[in-house]
């Protein structure tokens, strides 16, 4: 893919979903768009780009942005982060929310392994912690897979202990299906993080891991700022291990941050 094509795609996708294609991303973009071109019945990526340049196919432009979004994930990805959630965050939430359901938002959930991992971990608490998880992503395609709860042998072997596989999954032909109990704890929603958040709902725990690092710095800060009104006072924010947190948060390590609440501060809903 030549530099002019990559510049065109950069402008297209950054405005739609914040994704940065700067650097040596030509091979990545071409490999991702090759599959989209075939699904659209086009002869090549060049034909796809020609159609996009006409600027009249909104559906195709949206599909292009989704195809270029990074969706790699795994069960219990980043073990130290999930260790911190298990030993520090979930027990603290259990003590603070003993009489209610803990509200969780998984932003950029991809194909669902993160949300299901958290649901399994909550079930393993003693006593089990009741979670209501809202999991969002830009891509309808990955959300459909997440909602199905069906994973290949390769996918369940990536980070999922055999004990949890046998406890929370059932064999479904050549696939593994998550149990209905865990599926019922999660609501899947399409959401573009670069668009203004209008909901007044607040969450005890927000996860947005390994997503913001693909944004340009100014957009990263703007998206991060939009999380803050959605976080309950004293709530937890979990980012990728190498992603810096916002000001006013206590860094607990491994990408986990807790909001510091001052006595004279009112946190907006």
Protein backbone atom coordinates (compact mmCIF):
# COMPACT_ATOMS: atom_id res chain seq x y z
CA UNK A 1 0.00 0.00 0.00
CA UNK A 2 1.51 3.33 -1.04
CA UNK A 3 1.85 6.36 1.31
CA UNK A 4 -1.01 8.24 -0.38
CA UNK A 5 -3.41 5.35 0.24
CA UNK A 6 -2.29 5.09 3.86
CA UNK A 7 -2.73 8.84 4.39
CA UNK A 8 -6.25 8.60 2.97
CA UNK A 9 -7.11 5.73 5.31
CA UNK A 10 -5.56 7.57 8.27
CA UNK A 11 -7.85 10.54 7.70
CA UNK A 12 -10.87 8.30 7.22
CA UNK A 13 -10.50 6.09 10.29
CA UNK A 14 -9.12 8.65 12.69
CA UNK A 15 -12.19 10.80 12.23
CA UNK A 16 -14.48 7.84 12.75
CA UNK A 17 -12.92 5.83 15.55
CA UNK A 18 -9.71 7.57 16.60
CA UNK A 19 -7.40 4.87 15.26
CA UNK A 20 -3.91 6.03 14.29
CA UNK A 21 -2.29 4.36 11.29
CA UNK A 22 0.93 6.34 11.50
CA UNK A 23 4.21 4.53 11.09
CA UNK A 24 4.77 1.32 9.16
CA UNK A 25 1.14 0.20 9.01
CA UNK A 26 0.79 -0.41 5.27
CA UNK A 27 0.98 -4.21 5.48
CA UNK A 28 -1.39 -4.26 8.47
CA UNK A 29 -3.97 -2.12 6.65
CA UNK A 30 -3.74 -4.09 3.42
CA UNK A 31 -4.14 -7.46 5.17
CA UNK A 32 -7.16 -6.25 7.14
CA UNK A 33 -8.84 -4.66 4.13
CA UNK A 34 -8.21 -7.68 1.92
CA UNK A 35 -10.80 -9.66 3.87
CA UNK A 36 -13.28 -6.79 3.72
CA UNK A 37 -12.81 -6.43 -0.04
CA UNK A 38 -13.56 -10.12 -0.53
CA UNK A 39 -16.70 -9.93 1.64
CA UNK A 40 -17.85 -6.95 -0.40
CA UNK A 41 -17.31 -8.81 -3.68
CA UNK A 42 -14.52 -6.50 -4.81
CA UNK A 43 -11.53 -7.68 -6.82
CA UNK A 44 -8.86 -5.98 -4.71
CA UNK A 45 -8.02 -3.54 -1.94
CA UNK A 46 -7.38 -0.95 -4.64
CA UNK A 47 -10.99 -1.32 -5.82
CA UNK A 48 -12.16 -0.87 -2.24
CA UNK A 49 -10.12 2.31 -1.83
CA UNK A 50 -11.46 3.67 -5.13
CA UNK A 51 -15.01 3.16 -3.87
CA UNK A 52 -14.17 4.82 -0.55
CA UNK A 53 -12.66 7.86 -2.27
CA UNK A 54 -15.98 8.56 -3.96
CA UNK A 55 -17.28 9.40 -0.50
CA UNK A 56 -20.82 8.20 -1.10
CA UNK A 57 -20.85 4.82 0.65
CA UNK A 58 -21.31 5.46 4.36
CA UNK A 59 -21.79 1.78 5.15
CA UNK A 60 -18.52 0.84 3.47
CA UNK A 61 -16.64 3.61 5.28
CA UNK A 62 -17.95 2.39 8.63
CA UNK A 63 -17.02 -1.21 7.74
CA UNK A 64 -13.51 -0.07 6.83
CA UNK A 65 -13.02 1.62 10.20
CA UNK A 66 -14.24 -1.52 11.98
CA UNK A 67 -11.96 -3.75 9.91
CA UNK A 68 -8.89 -1.71 10.85
CA UNK A 69 -9.68 -1.63 14.58
CA UNK A 70 -7.37 -3.85 16.63
CA UNK A 71 -9.39 -6.71 18.18
CA UNK A 72 -6.74 -9.04 19.61
CA UNK A 73 -7.68 -10.29 23.07
CA UNK A 74 -7.52 -13.39 25.27
CA UNK A 75 -8.98 -14.78 28.46
CA UNK A 76 -7.33 -13.25 31.55
CA UNK A 77 -5.03 -11.21 29.32
CA UNK A 78 -2.26 -9.48 31.30
CA UNK A 79 -2.13 -11.84 34.28
CA UNK A 80 -0.82 -9.30 36.82
CA UNK A 81 -3.75 -7.00 36.08
CA UNK A 82 -6.28 -9.75 36.70
CA UNK A 83 -4.32 -10.73 39.80
CA UNK A 84 -4.77 -7.18 41.09
CA UNK A 85 -8.47 -7.31 40.31
CA UNK A 86 -8.79 -10.62 42.16
CA UNK A 87 -6.87 -9.72 45.31
CA UNK A 88 -7.60 -5.99 45.70
CA UNK A 89 -10.38 -4.58 43.54
CA UNK A 90 -13.14 -7.20 43.66
CA UNK A 91 -12.84 -7.82 47.43
CA UNK A 92 -13.00 -4.06 48.03
CA UNK A 93 -16.08 -3.73 45.83
CA UNK A 94 -17.67 -6.68 47.62
CA UNK A 95 -17.29 -4.88 50.92
CA UNK A 96 -18.57 -1.56 49.60
CA UNK A 97 -21.53 -2.97 47.66
CA UNK A 98 -22.67 -5.84 49.84
CA UNK A 99 -26.36 -5.11 49.30
CA UNK A 100 -26.33 -4.30 45.59
CA UNK A 101 -25.03 -5.40 42.21
CA UNK A 102 -21.63 -4.00 41.25
CA UNK A 103 -21.77 -2.04 38.00
CA UNK A 104 -18.97 -2.67 35.47
CA UNK A 105 -18.22 -1.24 32.03
CA UNK A 106 -15.83 -3.06 29.67
CA UNK A 107 -15.03 -0.50 26.96
CA UNK A 108 -13.48 -1.86 23.78
CA UNK A 109 -14.49 -5.40 24.74
CA UNK A 110 -13.64 -7.00 21.37
CA UNK A 111 -14.80 -10.64 21.18
CA UNK A 112 -15.75 -10.80 24.85
CA UNK A 113 -12.97 -12.71 26.60
CA UNK A 114 -12.25 -9.86 29.02
CA UNK A 115 -15.88 -9.51 30.12
CA UNK A 116 -16.30 -13.26 30.55
CA UNK A 117 -13.00 -13.48 32.46
CA UNK A 118 -14.23 -10.86 34.89
CA UNK A 119 -17.57 -12.65 35.29
CA UNK A 120 -15.77 -15.91 36.07
CA UNK A 121 -13.51 -14.19 38.58
CA UNK A 122 -16.52 -12.67 40.36
CA UNK A 123 -18.13 -16.11 40.57
CA UNK A 124 -14.94 -17.46 42.13
CA UNK A 125 -15.05 -14.90 44.96
CA UNK A 126 -16.29 -16.17 48.33
CA UNK A 127 -19.14 -15.44 48.49
CA UNK A 128 -19.69 -14.85 44.74
CA UNK A 129 -19.79 -11.17 43.79
CA UNK A 130 -22.79 -10.04 41.82
CA UNK A 131 -21.80 -8.06 38.73
CA UNK A 132 -23.78 -6.39 36.00
CA UNK A 133 -21.40 -5.88 33.08
CA UNK A 134 -21.98 -3.59 30.12
CA UNK A 135 -19.51 -4.51 27.36
CA UNK A 136 -19.14 -2.16 24.39
CA UNK A 137 -17.22 -2.11 21.14
CA UNK A 138 -17.22 -0.28 17.82
CA UNK A 139 -17.54 -3.44 15.75
CA UNK A 140 -20.86 -5.22 15.30
CA UNK A 141 -18.96 -8.25 14.03
CA UNK A 142 -16.95 -8.80 17.21
CA UNK A 143 -19.99 -8.07 19.37
CA UNK A 144 -21.93 -10.82 17.60
CA UNK A 145 -19.19 -13.30 18.46
CA UNK A 146 -19.00 -12.07 22.05
CA UNK A 147 -22.75 -12.38 22.49
CA UNK A 148 -22.71 -15.92 21.09
CA UNK A 149 -20.29 -17.03 23.81
CA UNK A 150 -18.74 -19.54 21.38
CA UNK A 151 -14.96 -19.98 21.25
CA UNK A 152 -12.58 -22.27 19.42
CA UNK A 153 -10.17 -24.67 21.08
CA UNK A 154 -7.35 -22.26 20.27
CA UNK A 155 -9.18 -19.35 21.90
CA UNK A 156 -9.96 -21.15 25.16
CA UNK A 157 -6.34 -22.32 25.38
CA UNK A 158 -5.15 -18.70 25.43
CA UNK A 159 -5.07 -17.86 29.13
CA UNK A 160 -8.04 -19.89 30.37
CA UNK A 161 -7.20 -22.41 33.15
CA UNK A 162 -8.55 -25.89 32.46
CA UNK A 163 -10.48 -25.86 35.74
CA UNK A 164 -12.44 -22.78 34.67
CA UNK A 165 -12.96 -24.17 31.18
CA UNK A 166 -14.62 -27.29 32.56
CA UNK A 167 -16.63 -25.31 35.12
CA UNK A 168 -17.96 -22.47 32.97
CA UNK A 169 -18.03 -23.90 29.42
CA UNK A 170 -19.85 -26.69 27.64
CA UNK A 171 -18.69 -28.47 24.50
CA UNK A 172 -20.69 -27.43 21.43
CA UNK A 173 -19.48 -29.48 18.50
CA UNK A 174 -15.95 -28.27 17.79
CA UNK A 175 -16.53 -25.09 19.83
CA UNK A 176 -16.81 -24.28 23.52
CA UNK A 177 -19.91 -22.40 24.77
CA UNK A 178 -19.95 -20.20 27.86
CA UNK A 179 -22.65 -21.14 30.39
CA UNK A 180 -25.97 -19.26 30.27
CA UNK A 181 -25.42 -18.00 33.83
CA UNK A 182 -22.36 -15.99 32.83
CA UNK A 183 -23.89 -14.82 29.57
CA UNK A 184 -26.83 -13.41 31.53
CA UNK A 185 -24.53 -11.13 33.52
CA UNK A 186 -23.36 -9.22 30.43
CA UNK A 187 -25.11 -6.73 28.14
CA UNK A 188 -23.43 -6.13 24.79
CA UNK A 189 -23.70 -2.69 23.17
CA UNK A 190 -22.18 -0.99 20.14
CA UNK A 191 -20.38 2.21 21.16
CA UNK A 192 -17.82 4.45 19.48
CA UNK A 193 -15.51 5.82 22.17
CA UNK A 194 -14.66 8.96 20.19
CA UNK A 195 -18.29 10.08 20.22
CA UNK A 196 -19.59 12.14 23.12
CA UNK A 197 -20.91 10.01 25.97
CA UNK A 198 -24.46 11.05 26.87
CA UNK A 199 -25.42 8.44 29.45
CA UNK A 200 -25.60 9.52 33.10
CA UNK A 201 -25.04 5.98 34.35
CA UNK A 202 -22.19 5.48 36.80
CA UNK A 203 -20.00 2.43 37.21
CA UNK A 204 -17.98 1.05 40.11
CA UNK A 205 -15.36 -0.32 37.73
CA UNK A 206 -14.44 0.70 34.18
CA UNK A 207 -12.01 -1.29 32.04
CA UNK A 208 -10.56 0.16 28.83
CA UNK A 209 -7.41 -1.84 28.35
CA UNK A 210 -4.96 -1.60 25.46
CA UNK A 211 -7.32 0.65 23.50
CA UNK A 212 -6.24 4.24 24.11
CA UNK A 213 -2.65 3.53 23.07
CA UNK A 214 -3.87 3.33 19.45
CA UNK A 215 -5.18 6.93 19.61
CA UNK A 216 -3.33 10.17 19.02
CA UNK A 217 -2.37 11.85 22.35
CA UNK A 218 -4.96 14.65 22.24
CA UNK A 219 -7.80 12.26 21.42
CA UNK A 220 -6.56 9.82 24.07
CA UNK A 221 -6.86 12.53 26.72
CA UNK A 222 -10.32 13.55 25.52
CA UNK A 223 -11.66 9.99 25.59
CA UNK A 224 -10.10 9.36 28.98
CA UNK A 225 -11.77 12.49 30.35
CA UNK A 226 -15.15 11.20 29.19
CA UNK A 227 -14.80 8.16 31.44
CA UNK A 228 -14.58 10.22 34.59
CA UNK A 229 -18.24 11.34 34.89
CA UNK A 230 -19.23 7.71 34.38
CA UNK A 231 -17.20 6.51 37.36
CA UNK A 232 -18.79 6.35 40.81
CA UNK A 233 -16.93 8.22 43.57
CA UNK A 234 -13.96 6.13 44.64
CA UNK A 235 -14.42 3.84 41.65
CA UNK A 236 -11.74 1.94 39.78
CA UNK A 237 -10.37 2.51 36.27
CA UNK A 238 -8.31 -0.21 34.57
CA UNK A 239 -6.13 0.60 31.55
CA UNK A 240 -3.41 -1.30 29.73
CA UNK A 241 -0.31 -1.96 31.85
CA UNK A 242 1.72 0.68 29.99
CA UNK A 243 -1.06 3.29 29.64
CA UNK A 244 -0.90 6.30 32.00
CA UNK A 245 -3.92 7.11 34.14
CA UNK A 246 -5.67 10.45 34.62
CA UNK A 247 -4.87 12.98 37.31
CA UNK A 248 -6.72 12.60 40.60
CA UNK A 249 -6.33 8.82 40.64
CA UNK A 250 -4.26 6.60 42.91
CA UNK A 251 -2.05 4.24 40.88
CA UNK A 252 -2.36 0.75 42.37
CA UNK A 253 -0.08 -0.90 39.81
CA UNK A 254 -0.60 -3.17 36.80
CA UNK A 255 -2.80 -0.61 35.03
CA UNK A 256 -5.27 -0.27 37.92
CA UNK A 257 -6.22 3.19 39.22
CA UNK A 258 -8.61 4.30 41.95
CA UNK A 259 -10.35 7.64 41.93
CA UNK A 260 -9.38 9.85 44.85
CA UNK A 261 -12.39 11.54 46.41
CA UNK A 262 -12.01 14.76 48.38
CA UNK A 263 -14.52 15.56 51.09
CA UNK A 264 -15.44 18.90 49.51
CA UNK A 265 -15.70 17.59 45.96
CA UNK A 266 -18.96 16.69 44.26
CA UNK A 267 -18.58 14.19 41.45
CA UNK A 268 -20.98 14.80 38.55
CA UNK A 269 -23.38 12.07 37.48
